[in-house]
Structure formats: structure tokens, C-alpha cells
N, C-alpha and C. Protein backbone atom coordinates (compact mmCIF):
# COMPACT_ATOMS: atom_id res chain seq x y z
N UNK A 1 128.56 99.21 123.88
CA UNK A 1 128.98 98.98 124.90
C UNK A 1 129.64 97.83 124.80
N UNK A 2 130.63 97.62 124.02
CA UNK A 2 131.57 96.17 123.49
C UNK A 2 132.06 95.88 124.39
N UNK A 3 132.21 96.23 125.57
CA UNK A 3 133.27 95.69 126.24
C UNK A 3 132.65 94.26 127.32
N UNK A 4 133.77 93.14 127.62
CA UNK A 4 133.25 92.31 127.74
C UNK A 4 133.69 91.93 129.37
N UNK A 5 133.29 91.07 130.08
CA UNK A 5 133.13 91.00 131.64
C UNK A 5 133.60 89.21 131.48
N UNK A 6 134.54 89.02 132.91
CA UNK A 6 135.41 87.75 133.19
C UNK A 6 134.54 86.98 134.06
N UNK A 7 134.12 86.10 133.78
CA UNK A 7 133.11 85.37 134.32
C UNK A 7 133.91 84.68 135.48
N UNK A 8 133.92 84.45 136.86
CA UNK A 8 134.39 83.48 137.39
C UNK A 8 133.50 82.65 138.30
N UNK A 9 133.84 80.96 138.44
CA UNK A 9 133.11 80.53 139.13
C UNK A 9 133.42 80.47 140.51
N UNK A 10 132.69 79.92 141.53
CA UNK A 10 132.77 80.51 143.15
C UNK A 10 134.25 79.96 143.18
N UNK A 11 134.76 79.29 142.93
CA UNK A 11 136.17 78.93 143.41
C UNK A 11 137.21 79.79 142.48
N UNK A 12 136.83 80.69 141.66
CA UNK A 12 137.88 82.21 141.13
C UNK A 12 138.40 80.97 139.74
N UNK A 13 137.84 80.04 139.22
CA UNK A 13 138.59 79.83 137.91
C UNK A 13 137.33 80.27 136.62
N UNK A 14 138.32 80.37 135.76
CA UNK A 14 137.56 81.17 134.74
C UNK A 14 136.33 80.49 134.13
N UNK A 15 135.36 80.86 133.99
CA UNK A 15 134.07 80.11 133.41
C UNK A 15 133.96 80.77 131.89
N UNK A 16 133.70 81.49 132.15
CA UNK A 16 133.48 82.36 130.22
C UNK A 16 133.12 83.73 130.06
N UNK A 17 133.00 84.51 129.23
CA UNK A 17 133.53 85.82 129.36
C UNK A 17 132.15 85.89 128.94
N UNK A 18 131.39 87.41 129.71
CA UNK A 18 130.02 87.74 129.09
C UNK A 18 129.84 89.43 129.30
N UNK A 19 128.86 89.98 128.73
CA UNK A 19 128.60 91.68 128.35
C UNK A 19 128.45 92.35 129.47
N UNK A 20 128.87 93.48 129.60
CA UNK A 20 128.59 94.05 130.78
C UNK A 20 127.20 94.29 131.56
N UNK A 21 126.01 94.62 130.73
CA UNK A 21 124.87 94.48 131.37
C UNK A 21 124.20 93.18 132.06
N UNK A 22 124.87 92.04 131.37
CA UNK A 22 124.56 90.85 131.82
C UNK A 22 125.49 90.64 133.26
N UNK A 23 126.83 91.07 132.92
CA UNK A 23 127.50 91.07 134.39
C UNK A 23 126.51 91.86 135.75
N UNK A 24 126.36 93.18 135.07
CA UNK A 24 125.80 94.26 135.94
C UNK A 24 124.47 93.13 136.49
N UNK A 25 123.98 92.95 135.83
CA UNK A 25 122.65 92.59 136.03
C UNK A 25 123.02 91.26 137.26
N UNK A 26 123.88 90.34 136.91
CA UNK A 26 124.36 89.35 138.04
C UNK A 26 124.61 89.80 139.18
N UNK A 27 125.33 90.85 139.50
CA UNK A 27 125.78 91.43 140.60
C UNK A 27 124.98 92.22 140.85
N UNK A 28 124.48 93.06 140.52
CA UNK A 28 122.81 93.81 140.84
C UNK A 28 121.70 93.06 141.97
N UNK A 29 121.51 91.41 141.20
CA UNK A 29 120.37 90.61 141.27
C UNK A 29 120.75 89.72 142.48
N UNK A 30 122.47 89.79 143.07
CA UNK A 30 123.18 89.43 144.24
C UNK A 30 123.37 88.03 143.88
N UNK A 31 123.79 87.50 142.51
CA UNK A 31 124.01 86.37 142.38
C UNK A 31 125.74 86.29 141.82
N UNK A 32 126.39 87.27 142.08
CA UNK A 32 127.23 87.38 141.67
C UNK A 32 128.37 88.78 142.42
N UNK A 33 129.31 88.47 142.98
CA UNK A 33 130.19 89.53 143.29
C UNK A 33 131.15 90.41 142.51
N UNK A 34 131.28 91.64 142.70
CA UNK A 34 132.19 92.33 141.94
C UNK A 34 133.59 92.30 142.35
N UNK A 35 134.74 91.72 141.60
CA UNK A 35 136.01 91.13 141.92
C UNK A 35 136.58 92.49 141.54
N UNK A 36 136.25 92.94 140.15
CA UNK A 36 137.25 94.36 139.76
C UNK A 36 136.26 94.63 138.70
N UNK A 37 136.71 96.04 138.77
CA UNK A 37 136.07 96.70 138.49
C UNK A 37 136.69 97.67 137.31
N UNK A 38 136.06 98.09 136.23
CA UNK A 38 137.07 98.99 134.96
C UNK A 38 137.32 100.60 135.66
N UNK A 39 138.39 100.78 135.43
CA UNK A 39 139.37 101.82 136.07
C UNK A 39 138.91 102.87 135.96
N UNK A 40 138.35 103.65 134.71
CA UNK A 40 137.97 104.72 134.32
C UNK A 40 136.44 104.90 133.89
N UNK A 41 135.78 103.86 134.01
CA UNK A 41 134.17 103.85 133.33
C UNK A 41 133.63 103.64 134.50
N UNK A 42 131.96 103.97 134.59
CA UNK A 42 130.93 103.57 135.16
C UNK A 42 129.89 103.87 134.65
N UNK A 43 128.93 102.64 134.92
CA UNK A 43 127.53 102.96 134.50
C UNK A 43 126.68 103.98 135.28
N UNK A 44 126.05 104.47 134.47
CA UNK A 44 124.70 105.66 135.04
C UNK A 44 123.53 104.86 134.64
N UNK A 45 122.60 105.09 135.76
CA UNK A 45 121.30 105.23 135.23
C UNK A 45 120.57 106.85 136.08
N UNK A 46 119.68 107.04 135.86
CA UNK A 46 119.48 108.35 136.39
C UNK A 46 119.56 109.00 137.44
N UNK A 47 119.41 108.10 138.25
CA UNK A 47 119.51 109.08 139.83
C UNK A 47 121.04 108.03 140.46
N UNK A 48 121.67 107.31 139.74
CA UNK A 48 123.35 106.96 140.42
C UNK A 48 124.00 106.67 139.25
N UNK A 49 125.38 106.15 139.76
CA UNK A 49 126.25 105.94 139.07
C UNK A 49 126.44 104.27 139.95
N UNK A 50 127.37 103.59 138.95
CA UNK A 50 127.98 102.27 139.75
C UNK A 50 128.83 101.80 138.33
N UNK A 51 129.72 101.11 139.64
CA UNK A 51 130.90 100.84 138.83
C UNK A 51 130.56 99.52 137.66
N UNK A 52 131.76 99.74 136.44
CA UNK A 52 131.52 98.72 135.49
C UNK A 52 132.39 97.52 135.87
N UNK A 53 131.86 96.76 135.77
CA UNK A 53 132.26 95.33 136.04
C UNK A 53 133.45 95.17 135.02
N UNK A 54 134.29 94.33 135.56
CA UNK A 54 135.77 93.87 134.66
C UNK A 54 135.69 92.07 135.20
N UNK A 55 135.71 91.93 136.14
CA UNK A 55 135.73 90.15 136.73
C UNK A 55 134.69 90.36 137.77
N UNK A 56 133.84 89.27 137.40
CA UNK A 56 132.87 88.96 138.42
C UNK A 56 132.99 87.77 138.70
N UNK A 57 132.26 87.15 139.92
CA UNK A 57 132.18 85.64 140.73
C UNK A 57 131.21 85.43 141.10
N UNK A 58 130.32 84.06 140.32
CA UNK A 58 129.58 83.73 141.06
C UNK A 58 129.16 83.30 142.21
N UNK A 59 128.08 83.08 143.08
CA UNK A 59 127.98 82.97 144.38
C UNK A 59 127.71 81.62 144.50
N UNK A 60 127.50 80.85 143.27
CA UNK A 60 127.05 79.57 143.39
C UNK A 60 127.68 78.73 142.58
N UNK A 61 128.75 77.58 142.87
CA UNK A 61 129.52 77.28 141.76
C UNK A 61 129.06 76.16 140.62
N UNK A 62 128.87 76.40 139.35
CA UNK A 62 128.64 75.93 138.17
C UNK A 62 129.28 74.94 137.74
N UNK A 63 128.88 73.66 137.43
CA UNK A 63 129.64 72.18 137.49
C UNK A 63 129.41 72.44 135.80
N UNK A 64 130.53 72.01 135.33
CA UNK A 64 131.21 72.68 133.94
C UNK A 64 131.84 71.54 133.73
N UNK A 65 131.52 69.90 133.84
CA UNK A 65 132.29 68.93 132.97
C UNK A 65 133.34 69.16 131.42
N UNK A 66 132.73 70.14 131.09
CA UNK A 66 133.93 69.91 129.58
C UNK A 66 133.49 71.56 129.09
N UNK A 67 134.71 72.26 129.13
CA UNK A 67 134.67 73.48 128.80
C UNK A 67 135.68 73.22 127.64
N UNK A 68 135.08 73.13 126.74
CA UNK A 68 136.03 72.93 125.03
C UNK A 68 135.86 74.51 124.28
N UNK A 69 136.52 74.58 123.44
CA UNK A 69 136.98 75.41 122.85
C UNK A 69 136.27 75.17 121.16
N UNK A 70 135.03 75.83 120.88
CA UNK A 70 134.61 75.12 119.28
C UNK A 70 135.47 75.22 118.52
N UNK A 71 135.27 74.15 117.35
CA UNK A 71 135.90 74.29 116.55
C UNK A 71 135.44 74.98 115.22
N UNK A 72 135.69 76.11 114.74
CA UNK A 72 135.22 76.98 113.60
C UNK A 72 136.14 77.97 112.62
N UNK A 73 135.62 78.11 111.81
CA UNK A 73 136.39 78.68 110.83
C UNK A 73 137.36 79.88 111.95
N UNK A 74 136.40 80.76 112.30
CA UNK A 74 136.94 82.15 113.17
C UNK A 74 137.91 81.62 114.31
N UNK A 75 137.68 80.62 114.79
CA UNK A 75 138.77 80.35 116.00
C UNK A 75 140.16 79.88 115.29
N UNK A 76 139.79 79.09 114.29
CA UNK A 76 141.35 78.45 113.83
C UNK A 76 142.14 79.91 113.42
N UNK A 77 141.18 80.89 112.65
CA UNK A 77 141.76 82.06 112.59
C UNK A 77 142.64 82.87 113.70
N UNK A 78 141.83 82.68 114.77
CA UNK A 78 142.37 83.33 116.02
C UNK A 78 143.23 82.75 116.32
N UNK A 79 143.19 81.28 116.49
CA UNK A 79 144.64 80.57 117.03
C UNK A 79 145.86 80.53 116.46
N UNK A 80 145.65 80.93 115.02
CA UNK A 80 146.79 80.99 114.10
C UNK A 80 147.19 82.65 113.71
N UNK A 81 146.22 83.60 115.07
CA UNK A 81 147.02 85.27 114.86
C UNK A 81 146.36 85.41 113.51
N UNK A 82 145.69 84.98 112.54
CA UNK A 82 145.02 85.62 111.40
C UNK A 82 145.83 85.51 110.67
N UNK A 83 147.31 84.71 110.22
CA UNK A 83 148.37 84.43 109.27
C UNK A 83 148.54 83.34 109.03
N UNK A 84 148.61 83.31 107.42
CA UNK A 84 148.91 82.13 106.88
C UNK A 84 150.03 81.53 107.32
N UNK A 85 150.12 80.42 108.04
CA UNK A 85 151.24 79.33 108.56
C UNK A 85 152.47 79.13 107.48
N UNK A 86 152.05 79.15 105.98
CA UNK A 86 153.28 78.72 104.88
C UNK A 86 153.71 80.38 104.69
N UNK A 87 153.58 81.24 104.79
CA UNK A 87 154.60 82.47 104.09
C UNK A 87 153.70 83.49 105.09
N UNK A 88 152.98 83.47 106.13
CA UNK A 88 152.96 84.77 106.96
C UNK A 88 152.01 85.80 106.38
N UNK A 89 151.35 85.29 105.22
CA UNK A 89 150.28 86.53 104.56
C UNK A 89 149.66 86.46 105.60
N UNK A 90 148.88 87.90 105.81
CA UNK A 90 147.26 88.03 106.52
C UNK A 90 146.43 88.60 105.72
N UNK A 91 146.29 88.35 103.89
CA UNK A 91 145.77 88.74 103.13
C UNK A 91 144.51 87.19 102.74
N UNK A 92 143.59 87.49 102.34
CA UNK A 92 143.04 86.46 101.70
C UNK A 92 142.95 85.20 102.24
N UNK A 93 142.60 84.89 103.45
CA UNK A 93 142.67 83.81 103.89
C UNK A 93 141.82 82.83 104.18
N UNK A 94 141.92 81.18 103.75
CA UNK A 94 141.22 80.28 103.85
C UNK A 94 142.02 79.42 104.92
N UNK A 95 141.26 78.21 105.16
CA UNK A 95 141.45 76.84 106.01
C UNK A 95 142.26 76.10 104.84
N UNK A 96 142.71 75.36 105.68
CA UNK A 96 143.59 74.34 105.02
C UNK A 96 143.97 73.26 105.90
N UNK A 97 143.91 71.56 105.17
CA UNK A 97 143.60 70.49 105.48
C UNK A 97 145.10 70.31 105.36
N UNK A 98 146.09 70.21 106.47
CA UNK A 98 146.94 69.79 106.51
C UNK A 98 147.64 68.05 105.68
N UNK A 99 146.44 67.31 106.24
CA UNK A 99 146.66 66.17 105.75
C UNK A 99 145.43 66.21 105.02
N UNK A 100 145.72 66.03 103.45
CA UNK A 100 144.53 66.45 102.85
C UNK A 100 143.05 65.37 102.88
N UNK A 101 141.95 66.22 102.77
CA UNK A 101 140.50 65.39 103.28
C UNK A 101 141.09 63.85 102.16
N UNK A 102 141.57 63.86 100.80
CA UNK A 102 140.92 63.08 99.68
C UNK A 102 142.32 61.82 100.31
N UNK A 103 142.86 62.06 101.20
CA UNK A 103 144.07 60.93 101.84
C UNK A 103 143.14 60.54 103.48
N UNK A 104 142.34 61.00 103.43
CA UNK A 104 141.86 60.77 104.55
C UNK A 104 141.70 61.78 106.08
N UNK A 105 142.68 63.10 105.80
CA UNK A 105 142.57 64.05 106.70
C UNK A 105 141.11 64.32 107.11
N UNK A 106 141.35 64.86 108.30
CA UNK A 106 140.01 64.85 109.00
C UNK A 106 139.63 66.55 109.46
N UNK A 107 138.80 66.55 109.82
CA UNK A 107 138.48 68.36 109.91
C UNK A 107 138.09 68.40 111.16
N UNK A 108 139.47 68.27 112.00
CA UNK A 108 140.11 68.50 113.30
C UNK A 108 141.13 69.74 113.73
N UNK A 109 140.86 69.96 114.89
CA UNK A 109 141.91 71.18 115.17
C UNK A 109 143.27 70.71 115.25
N UNK A 110 143.51 69.81 115.02
CA UNK A 110 145.09 69.40 114.77
C UNK A 110 145.57 68.86 113.36
N UNK A 111 144.45 69.47 112.69
CA UNK A 111 144.80 69.42 111.07
C UNK A 111 144.46 69.92 110.11
N UNK A 112 143.92 71.22 110.83
CA UNK A 112 143.42 72.92 110.36
C UNK A 112 144.57 73.59 110.25
N UNK A 113 144.85 74.18 109.87
CA UNK A 113 145.67 75.79 109.71
C UNK A 113 145.40 76.45 108.94
N UNK A 114 145.36 77.88 109.09
CA UNK A 114 145.03 79.11 108.14
C UNK A 114 146.13 79.10 107.14
N UNK A 115 145.42 79.19 105.64
CA UNK A 115 146.44 79.12 105.05
C UNK A 115 145.72 80.12 103.98
N UNK A 116 147.18 81.14 103.02
CA UNK A 116 146.35 82.11 101.87
C UNK A 116 145.85 81.32 101.19
N UNK A 117 145.22 82.21 99.92
CA UNK A 117 144.75 81.06 98.89
C UNK A 117 145.42 80.76 97.98
N UNK A 118 146.99 81.50 97.54
CA UNK A 118 147.99 81.21 97.15
C UNK A 118 148.44 79.74 97.51
N UNK A 119 148.95 80.01 98.97
CA UNK A 119 149.53 79.05 99.27
C UNK A 119 148.76 77.80 99.47
N UNK A 120 147.65 77.84 99.70
CA UNK A 120 146.65 76.55 99.71
C UNK A 120 146.63 75.95 97.97
N UNK A 121 146.58 76.70 97.33
CA UNK A 121 146.29 76.42 95.86
C UNK A 121 147.90 75.69 95.26
N UNK A 122 148.92 76.14 96.12
CA UNK A 122 150.15 75.71 95.57
C UNK A 122 150.51 74.24 96.57
N UNK A 123 149.44 74.30 97.24
CA UNK A 123 149.64 73.16 98.19
C UNK A 123 148.63 71.37 97.48
N UNK A 124 147.80 72.64 97.28
CA UNK A 124 146.62 71.90 97.07
C UNK A 124 146.43 70.23 97.29
N UNK A 125 146.87 68.94 96.83
CA UNK A 125 146.54 67.80 97.36
C UNK A 125 147.48 66.69 97.93
N UNK A 126 148.57 67.69 98.31
CA UNK A 126 149.61 67.43 98.90
C UNK A 126 150.14 67.44 100.45
N UNK A 127 150.51 66.93 101.02
CA UNK A 127 151.28 67.28 102.66
C UNK A 127 151.99 68.49 102.39
N UNK A 128 152.06 69.35 103.44
CA UNK A 128 153.03 70.71 103.51
C UNK A 128 154.47 69.45 102.83
N UNK A 129 154.95 68.53 103.58
CA UNK A 129 156.55 68.09 102.94
C UNK A 129 156.50 67.69 101.67
N UNK A 130 155.53 66.94 100.84
CA UNK A 130 155.33 66.87 99.73
C UNK A 130 155.54 67.84 98.43
N UNK A 131 155.25 68.75 99.18
CA UNK A 131 154.36 70.14 98.60
C UNK A 131 155.71 70.81 98.62
N UNK A 132 157.03 70.59 99.58
CA UNK A 132 158.24 71.43 99.86
C UNK A 132 158.07 72.98 100.64
N UNK A 133 156.58 73.13 101.21
CA UNK A 133 156.13 73.87 102.22
C UNK A 133 156.45 73.69 103.69
N UNK A 134 156.56 74.69 104.70
CA UNK A 134 156.95 74.56 106.45
C UNK A 134 155.54 75.15 106.70
N UNK A 135 154.98 74.43 107.87
CA UNK A 135 154.50 75.03 108.74
C UNK A 135 154.93 76.15 109.74
N UNK A 136 154.91 77.19 109.97
CA UNK A 136 155.28 78.03 111.11
C UNK A 136 154.65 77.40 112.40
N UNK A 137 153.61 77.08 112.79
CA UNK A 137 153.45 76.40 113.86
C UNK A 137 152.40 75.02 113.46
N UNK A 138 152.64 74.06 114.40
CA UNK A 138 151.81 73.22 114.27
C UNK A 138 150.28 73.25 114.86
N UNK A 139 149.70 72.64 113.92
CA UNK A 139 147.71 72.75 114.36
C UNK A 139 148.01 72.18 115.84
N UNK A 140 147.20 72.70 116.66
CA UNK A 140 146.65 72.14 118.08
C UNK A 140 145.30 72.57 118.58
N UNK A 141 144.73 72.13 119.69
CA UNK A 141 143.40 72.50 120.08
C UNK A 141 143.82 72.77 121.74
N UNK A 142 143.39 74.56 121.14
CA UNK A 142 143.81 75.64 122.33
C UNK A 142 143.07 74.51 123.29
N UNK A 143 143.22 75.19 124.86
CA UNK A 143 142.40 74.89 125.73
C UNK A 143 141.18 75.91 125.91
N UNK A 144 140.64 75.91 127.11
CA UNK A 144 139.24 76.90 126.68
C UNK A 144 140.16 78.32 127.92
N UNK A 145 140.96 78.09 128.94
CA UNK A 145 141.39 79.06 129.38
C UNK A 145 142.24 80.06 128.02
N UNK A 146 143.46 79.20 127.71
CA UNK A 146 144.40 79.51 126.78
C UNK A 146 143.34 80.18 125.91
N UNK A 147 142.60 79.81 125.12
CA UNK A 147 141.63 80.67 124.37
C UNK A 147 141.42 81.77 124.46
N UNK A 148 140.66 82.10 126.09
CA UNK A 148 140.47 83.43 126.55
C UNK A 148 141.72 83.94 127.02
N UNK A 149 142.85 83.42 127.29
CA UNK A 149 143.61 84.11 127.57
C UNK A 149 144.31 84.98 126.30
N UNK A 150 144.77 83.86 125.19
CA UNK A 150 145.68 84.05 123.97
C UNK A 150 145.07 84.84 122.86
N UNK A 151 143.42 83.93 122.89
CA UNK A 151 143.03 84.69 121.46
C UNK A 151 141.77 85.24 121.36
N UNK A 152 141.81 85.53 122.40
CA UNK A 152 140.01 86.28 122.71
C UNK A 152 139.93 87.63 122.14
N UNK A 153 140.95 88.04 121.98
CA UNK A 153 140.74 89.50 121.88
C UNK A 153 141.22 90.27 122.63
N UNK A 154 140.97 91.50 123.10
CA UNK A 154 141.49 92.23 123.84
C UNK A 154 141.25 92.16 125.50
N UNK A 155 141.91 91.97 126.28
CA UNK A 155 141.97 91.53 128.05
C UNK A 155 141.99 92.91 128.44
N UNK A 156 141.53 92.79 129.86
CA UNK A 156 141.48 93.74 130.97
C UNK A 156 142.92 93.33 131.32
N UNK A 157 143.50 94.11 132.29
CA UNK A 157 144.78 93.81 132.72
C UNK A 157 144.46 92.88 134.19
N UNK A 158 143.34 93.28 134.94
CA UNK A 158 142.39 92.69 135.90
C UNK A 158 142.30 91.03 136.01
N UNK A 159 142.31 90.57 134.37
CA UNK A 159 141.89 89.66 133.85
C UNK A 159 142.75 88.47 134.20
N UNK A 160 143.77 89.12 134.18
CA UNK A 160 145.23 88.28 134.15
C UNK A 160 145.64 87.07 135.25
N UNK A 161 145.32 87.59 136.37
CA UNK A 161 145.36 86.62 137.71
C UNK A 161 144.58 85.32 137.50
N UNK A 162 143.76 85.42 136.72
CA UNK A 162 142.22 84.35 136.29
C UNK A 162 142.87 83.61 135.17
N UNK A 163 143.62 84.46 134.73
CA UNK A 163 143.91 83.43 132.96
C UNK A 163 145.02 82.34 133.24
N UNK A 164 145.90 82.70 134.40
CA UNK A 164 146.85 81.96 134.59
C UNK A 164 148.18 82.57 133.92
N UNK A 165 148.34 83.82 133.21
CA UNK A 165 149.69 84.36 132.58
C UNK A 165 150.24 85.61 133.27
N UNK A 166 151.44 85.24 133.54
CA UNK A 166 151.58 86.46 133.99
C UNK A 166 152.38 87.88 133.60
N UNK A 167 152.84 87.64 132.37
CA UNK A 167 153.48 88.98 131.70
C UNK A 167 152.23 89.61 131.59
N UNK A 168 152.62 91.00 130.49
CA UNK A 168 151.51 91.69 130.67
C UNK A 168 151.16 91.72 129.08
N UNK A 169 149.89 91.81 129.43
CA UNK A 169 149.15 91.56 128.10
C UNK A 169 148.19 92.98 127.19
N UNK A 170 148.39 92.98 126.13
CA UNK A 170 148.30 94.54 125.50
C UNK A 170 146.44 94.26 125.64
N UNK A 171 146.23 95.92 125.91
CA UNK A 171 144.94 96.26 126.06
C UNK A 171 144.28 96.60 124.93
């Protein structure tokens, strides 16, 4: 059961994503409401069937002072859609510091990008401009909701109203 469930705060803002068993438990223990269920699947016990949650809403508001996306290798790859930002390759990917560390470049969302080994070696200890290479997109720090919506993997159509995107998303 690899499906995920969108968890909404009491005010219907996106809070996090959790597993189906965790979401079912929250609903069963009356700590959350079932907002949307998976269309074609159900959960079964020995004597009963239950709707499989797709979106749940917590009964109590959870105060989150800062919901950020953790800087990690995998999250940079997700943000850059698993492609080298210099040549578009999807093979043999690494991380590249746009402003080299040896020149004071820091390990931040705004300075890291996905690069294949070939482009990373070619760029070496230079900036992209000095190496005559152009970035497909400027590195940026995604917001929490943007990361859930655009880079988190597969989504249910029922998530869209809570993630702020109107066009249809691939499942």
C-alpha cells in the first residue's frame, strides 16, 4: 500500500502527506474527517469495508510556524525534474554548485543544481558564464505547497483544490 494521503489542517490548508494506514487511523479515532476518498479502492477488514482516504482534515488546528522543504540531494533532483540543467541529460546525475565552493559558493537551494557528470566536469571550478554553459532554469527554493504539488511525485486529482493548482495533474 504505497498510496499517500494529503493531510489538511483544520482551516483546509495543506499540512503534510502521510500513509493510508496513518490517515485511516486518524479518521477511525475521530481525530480527522474524511474529505475525499479514493474512487476505486477500499480498505477491508474481516467483517467490514471502509473508504480509502485520499484527503483528510484534522479536527484540531496544528500550528506550524515554518513549513519548509529540507535541502537534500533527492529534493534538488526532484525540483530539477531529474534532468541536467546544462544539457538536459537524465543519466549519471550529480549536484553542481553554480557558484563554486572554492569561490565562496554556499550549499543552498539557490546555488545547487542538477548536472550530469560530464557537464559537472566540463564546468569544473568555473561559473556557468565562464564555462560558456547556460542553465535551463535558475535554482530556487520551492515553497512547501509548491513542492507537494509540483515535485512530490504522483498526486490524486482530489488534492488539486487544496494545493492551489487548477490545471489537471498526471496521476
